[in-house]
Structure formats: structure tokens, C-alpha cells
Amino acid sequence: MTRLTTREAADYVRLSKGTLDQMRTDGTGPRFIKLGRKRRGRIFYDTVDLDAWINSRKQTSTTDQPQLRRRRRRLNNPLDLGR
């Protein structure tokens, strides 16, 4: 088991750090480990989890749609019905 920082994990999966950060926030990225305080905790990724996440995204055609968790849309305006 090898633990990587967010930047190292981003390099490992060939994504930008910002993309990996956003995927973690959305719940669409690989599993991660958070150590420490709520907001200031350190984030690590296990290479086993990164490999499993990559393998779960394999497709056989360009029309295949991987099963992703959808982002929850926040309604800033009560009249906004999610458009």
C-alpha cells in the first residue's frame, strides 16, 4: 500500500490537481483518506484505490456511459427548478 498526496495522485492518474479536488468534492473521484481536522485535514490517496477507480471506468465503446454519482444542485433561488 502506497499513500500519495493529492498532487502525486493527480500525476498518477494523469489529471490536474484541481480536477481531482473537484471530483473529491463532487463524490465522483477515487476513494481518499483524510487525516486530521475537518477543514484542514491532510488528504491522501492509496494507489490500490486509484487503480480500482481507473479500472472501474473502463469502457468498450465511446457510447458507454460510466455510472457516475451526479452532483447535487443547490437551489440559490427558490424559483430555480434546476435548469
C-alpha atoms as a PDB file:
ATOM      1  CA  MET A   1       0.000   0.000   0.000  1.00  0.00           C
ATOM      2  CA  THR A   2       1.421   3.343  -1.070  1.00  0.00           C
ATOM      3  CA  ARG A   3      -0.132   6.613   0.044  1.00  0.00           C
ATOM      4  CA  LEU A   4       0.111   9.633  -2.227  1.00  0.00           C
ATOM      5  CA  THR A   5      -0.656  13.307  -1.697  1.00  0.00           C
ATOM      6  CA  THR A   6      -3.325  14.885  -3.885  1.00  0.00           C
ATOM      7  CA  ARG A   7      -0.728  16.268  -6.287  1.00  0.00           C
ATOM      8  CA  GLU A   8       1.052  12.906  -6.525  1.00  0.00           C
ATOM      9  CA  ALA A   9      -2.288  11.128  -7.024  1.00  0.00           C
ATOM     10  CA  ALA A  10      -3.234  13.586  -9.772  1.00  0.00           C
ATOM     11  CA  ASP A  11       0.042  12.822 -11.555  1.00  0.00           C
ATOM     12  CA  TYR A  12      -0.572   9.092 -11.048  1.00  0.00           C
ATOM     13  CA  VAL A  13      -3.997   9.198 -12.747  1.00  0.00           C
ATOM     14  CA  ARG A  14      -2.896  11.905 -15.206  1.00  0.00           C
ATOM     15  CA  LEU A  15      -5.405  14.542 -14.142  1.00  0.00           C
ATOM     16  CA  SER A  16      -4.827  18.032 -12.817  1.00  0.00           C
ATOM     17  CA  LYS A  17      -4.839  18.568  -9.064  1.00  0.00           C
ATOM     18  CA  GLY A  18      -7.825  20.894  -9.475  1.00  0.00           C
ATOM     19  CA  THR A  19      -9.807  18.219 -11.298  1.00  0.00           C
ATOM     20  CA  LEU A  20      -9.058  15.668  -8.593  1.00  0.00           C
ATOM     21  CA  ASP A  21     -10.016  18.213  -5.902  1.00  0.00           C
ATOM     22  CA  GLN A  22     -13.337  18.893  -7.658  1.00  0.00           C
ATOM     23  CA  MET A  23     -14.047  15.182  -8.127  1.00  0.00           C
ATOM     24  CA  ARG A  24     -13.423  14.625  -4.414  1.00  0.00           C
ATOM     25  CA  THR A  25     -15.873  17.423  -3.581  1.00  0.00           C
ATOM     26  CA  ASP A  26     -18.481  16.034  -6.016  1.00  0.00           C
ATOM     27  CA  GLY A  27     -18.020  12.462  -4.850  1.00  0.00           C
ATOM     28  CA  THR A  28     -17.139  11.274  -8.360  1.00  0.00           C
ATOM     29  CA  GLY A  29     -13.430  10.618  -7.831  1.00  0.00           C
ATOM     30  CA  PRO A  30     -11.423   7.824  -6.261  1.00  0.00           C
ATOM     31  CA  ARG A  31     -11.622   6.924  -2.571  1.00  0.00           C
ATOM     32  CA  PHE A  32      -9.367   9.001  -0.335  1.00  0.00           C
ATOM     33  CA  ILE A  33      -8.051   9.151   3.216  1.00  0.00           C
ATOM     34  CA  LYS A  34      -8.470  12.268   5.353  1.00  0.00           C
ATOM     35  CA  LEU A  35      -6.287  12.645   8.424  1.00  0.00           C
ATOM     36  CA  GLY A  36      -6.618  15.471  10.888  1.00  0.00           C
ATOM     37  CA  ARG A  37      -9.091  18.262  11.438  1.00  0.00           C
ATOM     38  CA  LYS A  38     -12.291  18.698   9.487  1.00  0.00           C
ATOM     39  CA  ARG A  39     -11.303  21.550   7.203  1.00  0.00           C
ATOM     40  CA  ARG A  40      -7.546  21.398   7.456  1.00  0.00           C
ATOM     41  CA  GLY A  41      -7.128  17.656   7.339  1.00  0.00           C
ATOM     42  CA  ARG A  42      -4.480  16.171   5.084  1.00  0.00           C
ATOM     43  CA  ILE A  43      -5.771  14.209   2.090  1.00  0.00           C
ATOM     44  CA  PHE A  44      -4.070  11.053   0.855  1.00  0.00           C
ATOM     45  CA  TYR A  45      -4.859   8.510  -1.829  1.00  0.00           C
ATOM     46  CA  ASP A  46      -3.944   4.835  -1.759  1.00  0.00           C
ATOM     47  CA  THR A  47      -2.577   3.543  -5.077  1.00  0.00           C
ATOM     48  CA  VAL A  48      -4.787   0.438  -4.719  1.00  0.00           C
ATOM     49  CA  ASP A  49      -7.868   2.702  -4.636  1.00  0.00           C
ATOM     50  CA  LEU A  50      -6.591   4.767  -7.569  1.00  0.00           C
ATOM     51  CA  ASP A  51      -6.063   1.617  -9.648  1.00  0.00           C
ATOM     52  CA  ALA A  52      -9.527   0.316  -8.702  1.00  0.00           C
ATOM     53  CA  TRP A  53     -11.097   3.656  -9.676  1.00  0.00           C
ATOM     54  CA  ILE A  54      -9.286   3.649 -13.029  1.00  0.00           C
ATOM     55  CA  ASN A  55     -10.366   0.058 -13.688  1.00  0.00           C
ATOM     56  CA  SER A  56     -13.990   0.878 -12.813  1.00  0.00           C
ATOM     57  CA  ARG A  57     -14.022   3.441 -15.627  1.00  0.00           C
ATOM     58  CA  LYS A  58     -13.110   1.017 -18.412  1.00  0.00           C
ATOM     59  CA  GLN A  59     -15.378   1.144 -21.443  1.00  0.00           C
ATOM     60  CA  THR A  60     -15.800  -0.998 -24.544  1.00  0.00           C
ATOM     61  CA  SER A  61     -17.155   1.763 -26.779  1.00  0.00           C
ATOM     62  CA  THR A  62     -17.316   5.537 -26.897  1.00  0.00           C
ATOM     63  CA  THR A  63     -21.081   5.380 -26.323  1.00  0.00           C
ATOM     64  CA  ASP A  64     -20.709   3.566 -22.977  1.00  0.00           C
ATOM     65  CA  GLN A  65     -21.587   5.809 -20.060  1.00  0.00           C
ATOM     66  CA  PRO A  66     -19.790   5.052 -16.790  1.00  0.00           C
ATOM     67  CA  GLN A  67     -22.020   5.054 -13.716  1.00  0.00           C
ATOM     68  CA  LEU A  68     -21.209   8.340 -12.014  1.00  0.00           C
ATOM     69  CA  ARG A  69     -22.748   9.893  -8.967  1.00  0.00           C
ATOM     70  CA  ARG A  70     -24.481  13.061 -10.030  1.00  0.00           C
ATOM     71  CA  ARG A  71     -23.657  16.393  -8.451  1.00  0.00           C
ATOM     72  CA  ARG A  72     -26.364  17.720  -6.219  1.00  0.00           C
ATOM     73  CA  ARG A  73     -27.502  21.058  -7.483  1.00  0.00           C
ATOM     74  CA  ARG A  74     -28.063  23.725  -4.865  1.00  0.00           C
ATOM     75  CA  LEU A  75     -31.009  25.967  -5.402  1.00  0.00           C
ATOM     76  CA  ASN A  76     -29.873  29.545  -4.820  1.00  0.00           C
ATOM     77  CA  ASN A  77     -33.215  30.854  -5.975  1.00  0.00           C
ATOM     78  CA  PRO A  78     -36.434  29.128  -4.833  1.00  0.00           C
ATOM     79  CA  LEU A  79     -37.903  29.807  -8.291  1.00  0.00           C
ATOM     80  CA  ASP A  80     -34.996  27.997  -9.986  1.00  0.00           C
ATOM     81  CA  LEU A  81     -36.238  24.497 -10.680  1.00  0.00           C
ATOM     82  CA  GLY A  82     -32.830  23.057 -11.511  1.00  0.00           C
ATOM     83  CA  ARG A  83     -32.435  24.377 -15.040  1.00  0.00           C
END
